[in-house]
Amino acid sequence: MTTAVTKPGSPAGSGSTGAEGPDRKLPSPSLLTRARRSFDTHWYAWAMVLPVVVVLGVLVGYPLGRGIYLSFTDANEANIGRVIGDFEVPSTYKFVGLDNYWNILSGQEGSFYPRLTWTVIWTASCVFLHYTIGLGLAMLLNRQVKGRSLYRVLLILPWAVPAFVAAFAWKLMYNSDNGVLNALLGKVGIGAVDWLGDPFVQKISVIAVNTWLGVPFMMVAILGGLQSIPRELYEAAEMDGASPWQRFRNVTLPGLRPVSSTVILLGTIWTFNMFPIIYLVIGQAGGTESEILVTYAYRLAFQGVRDYAASASYGIVILSLLLVFSVFYRRLLNRQEAVR
């Protein structure tokens, strides 16, 4: 004798059997339903995040959207809308599609690739010096030395100085006639150096300034990473007969990998866009050979015949380059972690 099994909650005689009941799946809730449930459950979190979202939308979202829009036009000082006294001049610029990007990337504009090359050299040099010098200072300050707290404060001071103040201070020191550096060189019988006049020397000069400013951040971040490495690893390596170099290579560097990957990525993004050092130290007298991409984009928008469309296009290209670098950099690190 067989007995029909009725699914709980279903009316008798509906035709559903016990074999079909467990296999049936309830329809997944829609995106709107899930969003409503999340809001009902975590409404306080949404309320806390809302002011930040609004501020980011106003300060970041709108300028970015406006820049993307202008990059597809031929907007410049002559055809942009403006108000002159009681008269309002309407905008007459038009949509040109990808012409601005083609002019930049194809080399027709003539300024992108030389400045990109110098920007990459500038970024790589500064980040390398930031990390290596910061690592060396962090390892020194991680030791038990007398006056360590005082040394830490003194080495962090450049980080506390605003970038524009540091730029003007270094510009005074680089002065060819009355600068401190040339005065010191004169004391030892060396002639004055035109620090901000010669194109090659001015590049070395701005790298030195940015290194002075960026080392403290690297030092502090790496010092925190060093203090998080267990001392037992060093003791075990020393008991196994590892030399100081072997302990550094096999214990210190692997232990710093999470911190190093983050600070190198941040340092690359910051240095690639380091506008104040290049613009304020070299100024207008340095010509255009030492301009990086962001200073050139600024000059397009605010100096001479203002080309807002070209400047916006440069901004989007710079953003795209940094996004591509960040994605490939993180993927490379993840691949290395998977291999290990």
Protein backbone atom coordinates (compact mmCIF):
# COMPACT_ATOMS: atom_id res chain seq x y z
CA MET A 1 0.00 0.00 0.00
CA THR A 2 1.43 3.39 -1.00
CA THR A 3 0.72 6.65 0.74
CA ALA A 4 0.86 9.96 -1.05
CA VAL A 5 3.13 12.46 0.61
CA THR A 6 1.86 16.02 0.55
CA LYS A 7 4.34 18.91 0.78
CA PRO A 8 3.78 20.84 4.00
CA GLY A 9 1.87 24.00 3.36
CA SER A 10 0.52 22.87 -0.01
CA PRO A 11 -3.12 21.96 -0.50
CA ALA A 12 -4.02 18.32 -0.79
CA GLY A 13 -4.53 17.07 -4.28
CA SER A 14 -2.37 19.74 -5.82
CA GLY A 15 -0.41 17.12 -7.67
CA SER A 16 2.96 17.78 -5.93
CA THR A 17 4.80 14.74 -4.72
CA GLY A 18 7.53 14.16 -2.22
CA ALA A 19 10.05 13.61 -5.00
CA GLU A 20 9.39 17.02 -6.50
CA GLY A 21 9.17 19.07 -3.29
CA PRO A 22 12.87 19.15 -2.21
CA ASP A 23 14.05 19.90 -5.76
CA ARG A 24 11.92 23.00 -6.20
CA LYS A 25 13.81 26.29 -5.68
CA LEU A 26 12.29 29.49 -4.47
CA PRO A 27 12.78 32.44 -6.83
CA SER A 28 15.72 34.64 -5.80
CA PRO A 29 14.76 38.11 -4.58
CA SER A 30 15.24 40.98 -6.96
CA LEU A 31 17.99 43.54 -6.58
CA LEU A 32 15.50 46.13 -5.37
CA THR A 33 14.16 43.73 -2.74
CA ARG A 34 17.64 42.92 -1.48
CA ALA A 35 18.53 46.62 -1.36
CA ARG A 36 15.37 47.36 0.63
CA ARG A 37 16.14 44.54 3.08
CA SER A 38 19.72 45.80 3.48
CA PHE A 39 18.49 49.33 4.13
CA ASP A 40 15.92 48.13 6.69
CA THR A 41 18.58 46.13 8.51
CA HIS A 42 21.52 48.55 8.29
CA TRP A 43 19.79 51.93 7.97
CA TYR A 44 22.10 53.48 10.56
CA ALA A 45 25.18 52.52 8.53
CA TRP A 46 23.66 54.06 5.39
CA ALA A 47 22.87 57.20 7.36
CA MET A 48 26.50 57.45 8.52
CA VAL A 49 27.88 56.90 5.01
CA LEU A 50 25.48 59.29 3.25
CA PRO A 51 27.34 62.57 4.11
CA VAL A 52 30.61 61.11 2.81
CA VAL A 53 28.94 59.95 -0.39
CA VAL A 54 27.42 63.40 -0.93
CA VAL A 55 30.75 65.16 -0.34
CA LEU A 56 32.61 62.78 -2.67
CA GLY A 57 29.92 63.22 -5.29
CA VAL A 58 30.23 67.00 -5.17
CA LEU A 59 34.01 67.25 -4.86
CA VAL A 60 35.04 64.26 -6.99
CA GLY A 61 32.10 62.95 -8.98
CA TYR A 62 30.92 66.18 -10.59
CA PRO A 63 34.42 67.47 -11.60
CA LEU A 64 35.28 64.05 -13.00
CA GLY A 65 32.06 63.86 -14.99
CA ARG A 66 32.54 67.42 -16.25
CA GLY A 67 36.09 66.63 -17.29
CA ILE A 68 35.01 63.52 -19.18
CA TYR A 69 32.35 65.54 -20.97
CA LEU A 70 34.74 68.35 -21.95
CA SER A 71 37.28 65.82 -23.25
CA PHE A 72 34.83 64.93 -26.05
CA THR A 73 34.43 68.56 -27.13
CA ASP A 74 36.58 71.34 -28.58
CA ALA A 75 36.01 73.70 -25.62
CA ASN A 76 38.55 76.48 -25.26
CA GLU A 77 38.78 80.07 -24.06
CA ALA A 78 37.15 81.43 -27.21
CA ASN A 79 34.01 79.27 -27.34
CA ILE A 80 33.28 78.56 -23.67
CA GLY A 81 30.22 80.23 -22.13
CA ARG A 82 30.92 83.15 -19.80
CA VAL A 83 29.42 86.28 -18.31
CA ILE A 84 30.96 89.68 -19.14
CA GLY A 85 29.39 92.41 -17.05
CA ASP A 86 25.67 92.33 -17.78
CA PHE A 87 26.11 90.26 -20.92
CA GLU A 88 26.06 86.48 -21.07
CA VAL A 89 28.03 84.87 -23.88
CA PRO A 90 26.63 81.43 -24.77
CA SER A 91 28.82 78.41 -25.34
CA THR A 92 29.61 77.57 -28.94
CA TYR A 93 31.89 74.55 -28.55
CA LYS A 94 30.78 71.31 -30.16
CA PHE A 95 31.14 67.58 -29.72
CA VAL A 96 34.17 66.12 -31.51
CA GLY A 97 34.15 62.55 -30.23
CA LEU A 98 37.55 60.92 -29.72
CA ASP A 99 39.55 63.50 -31.68
CA ASN A 100 41.30 64.87 -28.59
CA TYR A 101 42.39 61.41 -27.46
CA TRP A 102 43.56 60.54 -30.97
CA ASN A 103 45.65 63.71 -31.15
CA ILE A 104 47.30 62.83 -27.84
CA LEU A 105 47.88 59.10 -28.26
CA SER A 106 48.85 59.19 -31.94
CA GLY A 107 51.59 61.73 -31.30
CA GLN A 108 50.06 64.43 -33.51
CA GLU A 109 49.91 66.81 -30.58
CA GLY A 110 53.66 66.25 -30.08
CA SER A 111 53.87 66.76 -26.30
CA PHE A 112 52.50 63.58 -24.79
CA TYR A 113 55.23 60.98 -25.25
CA PRO A 114 58.26 63.16 -24.31
CA ARG A 115 56.47 64.26 -21.13
CA LEU A 116 55.27 60.73 -20.43
CA THR A 117 58.86 59.48 -20.63
CA TRP A 118 60.09 62.11 -18.18
CA THR A 119 57.07 61.50 -15.90
CA VAL A 120 57.85 57.77 -15.74
CA ILE A 121 61.55 58.48 -15.03
CA TRP A 122 60.59 61.05 -12.38
CA THR A 123 58.14 58.66 -10.71
CA ALA A 124 60.42 55.61 -10.78
CA SER A 125 63.43 57.57 -9.45
CA CYS A 126 61.51 59.20 -6.62
CA VAL A 127 59.69 56.05 -5.50
CA PHE A 128 62.93 54.04 -5.59
CA LEU A 129 64.74 56.64 -3.47
CA HIS A 130 61.74 56.99 -1.15
CA TYR A 131 61.60 53.28 -0.48
CA THR A 132 65.31 52.51 -0.21
CA ILE A 133 66.17 55.48 2.01
CA GLY A 134 62.99 55.01 4.05
CA LEU A 135 63.80 51.32 4.54
CA GLY A 136 67.34 52.11 5.69
CA LEU A 137 66.19 54.76 8.17
CA ALA A 138 63.38 52.54 9.44
CA MET A 139 65.82 49.71 10.14
CA LEU A 140 68.10 52.11 12.02
CA LEU A 141 65.23 53.48 14.10
CA ASN A 142 63.96 49.98 14.82
CA ARG A 143 67.08 49.32 16.86
CA GLN A 144 67.50 50.25 20.48
CA VAL A 145 69.66 53.36 20.14
CA LYS A 146 70.00 56.33 22.44
CA GLY A 147 67.81 59.27 21.45
CA ARG A 148 65.67 57.18 19.12
CA SER A 149 62.52 59.20 19.83
CA LEU A 150 64.30 62.46 18.99
CA TYR A 151 65.61 61.04 15.73
CA ARG A 152 62.10 59.88 14.78
CA VAL A 153 60.67 63.35 15.35
CA LEU A 154 63.43 65.05 13.36
CA LEU A 155 63.08 62.64 10.45
CA ILE A 156 59.29 63.04 10.34
CA LEU A 157 59.49 66.86 10.20
CA PRO A 158 59.77 67.09 6.38
CA TRP A 159 56.48 65.22 6.13
CA ALA A 160 54.81 67.80 8.39
CA VAL A 161 55.95 70.74 6.24
CA PRO A 162 53.36 71.74 3.57
CA ALA A 163 54.57 70.97 0.07
CA PHE A 164 54.38 74.57 -1.16
CA VAL A 165 56.43 75.81 1.83
CA ALA A 166 59.09 73.18 1.18
CA ALA A 167 59.10 74.03 -2.53
CA PHE A 168 59.73 77.73 -1.91
CA ALA A 169 62.39 76.98 0.72
CA TRP A 170 64.29 74.71 -1.64
CA LYS A 171 63.90 77.23 -4.44
CA LEU A 172 65.64 79.82 -2.28
CA MET A 173 68.43 77.34 -1.52
CA TYR A 174 68.80 76.62 -5.24
CA ASN A 175 69.17 80.32 -6.06
CA SER A 176 72.19 80.77 -8.32
CA ASP A 177 73.35 84.05 -6.77
CA ASN A 178 72.43 83.94 -3.09
CA GLY A 179 71.48 80.33 -2.49
CA VAL A 180 72.85 78.32 0.42
CA LEU A 181 73.98 75.43 -1.77
CA ASN A 182 76.14 77.57 -4.05
CA ALA A 183 77.53 79.38 -1.00
CA LEU A 184 78.62 76.03 0.46
CA LEU A 185 80.14 74.99 -2.87
CA GLY A 186 82.03 78.28 -2.97
CA LYS A 187 83.53 77.54 0.46
CA VAL A 188 85.18 74.41 -0.91
CA GLY A 189 86.32 76.04 -4.13
CA ILE A 190 83.61 74.78 -6.47
CA GLY A 191 81.91 77.18 -8.86
CA ALA A 192 78.24 78.05 -8.69
CA VAL A 193 75.76 75.64 -10.24
CA ASP A 194 72.72 76.81 -12.18
CA TRP A 195 70.36 74.48 -10.31
CA LEU A 196 67.13 75.68 -11.91
CA GLY A 197 68.42 76.82 -15.29
CA ASP A 198 70.05 73.80 -16.90
CA PRO A 199 67.36 71.26 -17.97
CA PHE A 200 69.26 68.22 -16.71
CA VAL A 201 70.30 69.78 -13.39
CA GLN A 202 66.79 71.07 -12.68
CA LYS A 203 65.46 67.53 -13.05
CA ILE A 204 67.98 66.30 -10.50
CA SER A 205 67.00 69.21 -8.26
CA VAL A 206 63.28 68.45 -8.22
CA ILE A 207 63.96 64.74 -7.63
CA ALA A 208 66.03 65.72 -4.58
CA VAL A 209 63.23 67.93 -3.23
CA ASN A 210 60.57 65.28 -3.69
CA THR A 211 62.81 62.65 -2.12
CA TRP A 212 63.27 64.88 0.94
CA LEU A 213 59.50 65.22 1.21
CA GLY A 214 58.56 61.59 0.56
CA VAL A 215 61.07 59.65 2.65
CA PRO A 216 59.35 60.28 6.04
CA PHE A 217 56.10 58.65 4.93
CA MET A 218 57.94 55.56 3.69
CA MET A 219 60.03 55.46 6.85
CA VAL A 220 57.01 55.56 9.17
CA ALA A 221 55.07 52.96 7.18
CA ILE A 222 58.03 50.58 6.92
CA LEU A 223 58.89 51.08 10.59
CA GLY A 224 55.39 49.92 11.50
CA GLY A 225 55.87 46.89 9.26
CA LEU A 226 59.21 46.05 10.87
CA GLN A 227 57.71 46.17 14.34
CA SER A 228 55.00 43.72 13.28
CA ILE A 229 57.51 41.02 12.28
CA PRO A 230 57.82 38.49 15.16
CA ARG A 231 61.20 38.54 16.84
CA GLU A 232 61.11 34.74 17.02
CA LEU A 233 61.75 34.56 13.29
CA TYR A 234 65.01 36.48 13.63
CA GLU A 235 66.06 34.38 16.62
CA ALA A 236 65.34 31.13 14.76
CA ALA A 237 67.24 32.34 11.69
CA GLU A 238 70.19 33.41 13.84
CA MET A 239 70.25 30.03 15.58
CA ASP A 240 70.33 28.36 12.16
CA GLY A 241 73.47 30.34 11.34
CA ALA A 242 71.92 32.86 8.94
CA SER A 243 74.04 35.93 8.22
CA PRO A 244 72.61 39.48 8.59
CA TRP A 245 72.09 39.68 4.83
CA GLN A 246 70.29 36.32 4.80
CA ARG A 247 68.05 37.42 7.68
CA PHE A 248 67.25 40.62 5.82
CA ARG A 249 66.49 38.80 2.57
CA ASN A 250 64.56 35.84 3.99
CA VAL A 251 62.86 37.37 7.04
CA THR A 252 62.69 41.17 6.76
CA LEU A 253 61.71 41.57 3.10
CA PRO A 254 59.02 38.84 3.12
CA GLY A 255 57.63 40.27 6.36
CA LEU A 256 57.43 43.73 4.79
CA ARG A 257 55.77 42.56 1.59
CA PRO A 258 52.19 43.61 2.55
CA VAL A 259 53.34 47.06 3.68
CA SER A 260 55.76 47.50 0.81
CA SER A 261 53.19 46.69 -1.87
CA THR A 262 50.78 49.27 -0.46
CA VAL A 263 53.25 52.13 0.06
CA ILE A 264 54.87 51.61 -3.35
CA LEU A 265 51.47 51.77 -5.05
CA LEU A 266 50.47 54.90 -3.11
CA GLY A 267 53.88 56.48 -3.67
CA THR A 268 53.65 55.85 -7.41
CA ILE A 269 50.22 57.46 -7.68
CA TRP A 270 51.20 60.46 -5.54
CA THR A 271 54.51 61.05 -7.32
CA PHE A 272 52.99 60.66 -10.79
CA ASN A 273 50.63 63.51 -9.88
CA MET A 274 53.08 65.58 -7.81
CA PHE A 275 52.13 68.97 -9.19
CA PRO A 276 53.45 71.48 -6.57
CA ILE A 277 57.10 70.40 -6.57
CA ILE A 278 57.56 70.60 -10.33
CA TYR A 279 55.49 73.74 -10.76
CA LEU A 280 56.69 75.74 -7.76
CA VAL A 281 60.38 74.80 -7.72
CA ILE A 282 61.08 75.13 -11.43
CA GLY A 283 58.43 77.78 -12.14
CA GLN A 284 57.98 79.44 -15.50
CA ALA A 285 61.68 80.05 -16.12
CA GLY A 286 62.51 76.37 -16.45
CA GLY A 287 60.93 75.93 -19.86
CA THR A 288 58.84 72.89 -20.74
CA GLU A 289 61.44 70.11 -20.75
CA SER A 290 60.98 69.37 -17.05
CA GLU A 291 57.18 69.41 -17.08
CA ILE A 292 55.36 66.23 -16.15
CA LEU A 293 51.93 65.36 -17.48
CA VAL A 294 49.90 67.05 -14.74
CA THR A 295 51.80 70.35 -14.94
CA TYR A 296 51.39 70.36 -18.72
CA ALA A 297 47.65 69.71 -18.36
CA TYR A 298 47.48 72.65 -15.94
CA ARG A 299 49.31 74.89 -18.40
CA LEU A 300 46.89 73.97 -21.16
CA ALA A 301 43.91 74.95 -19.03
CA PHE A 302 45.16 78.07 -17.26
CA GLN A 303 47.97 79.65 -19.27
CA GLY A 304 48.13 81.18 -22.72
CA VAL A 305 45.20 80.29 -24.98
CA ARG A 306 43.27 78.09 -22.59
CA ASP A 307 42.41 74.75 -24.16
CA TYR A 308 39.97 73.18 -21.72
CA ALA A 309 39.20 70.16 -23.90
CA ALA A 310 42.85 69.18 -24.34
CA SER A 311 43.51 69.67 -20.63
CA ALA A 312 40.52 67.50 -19.70
CA SER A 313 41.69 64.84 -22.15
CA TYR A 314 45.12 64.83 -20.54
CA GLY A 315 43.47 64.42 -17.15
CA ILE A 316 41.46 61.40 -18.29
CA VAL A 317 44.54 59.86 -19.93
CA ILE A 318 46.51 60.29 -16.69
CA LEU A 319 43.68 58.70 -14.71
CA SER A 320 43.52 55.80 -17.16
CA LEU A 321 47.28 55.21 -16.98
CA LEU A 322 47.20 55.07 -13.18
CA LEU A 323 44.18 52.76 -13.16
CA VAL A 324 45.85 50.37 -15.61
CA PHE A 325 49.08 50.42 -13.59
CA SER A 326 47.20 49.76 -10.33
CA VAL A 327 45.28 46.81 -11.79
CA PHE A 328 48.37 45.17 -13.29
CA TYR A 329 50.42 45.85 -10.16
CA ARG A 330 47.85 44.20 -7.88
CA ARG A 331 47.48 41.25 -10.25
CA LEU A 332 51.25 40.79 -10.34
CA LEU A 333 51.41 40.78 -6.55
CA ASN A 334 48.52 38.32 -6.30
CA ARG A 335 50.22 36.04 -8.83
CA GLN A 336 53.46 36.14 -6.82
CA GLU A 337 51.56 35.32 -3.65
CA ALA A 338 49.86 32.38 -5.37
CA VAL A 339 53.22 31.02 -6.56
CA ARG A 340 54.66 31.24 -3.04
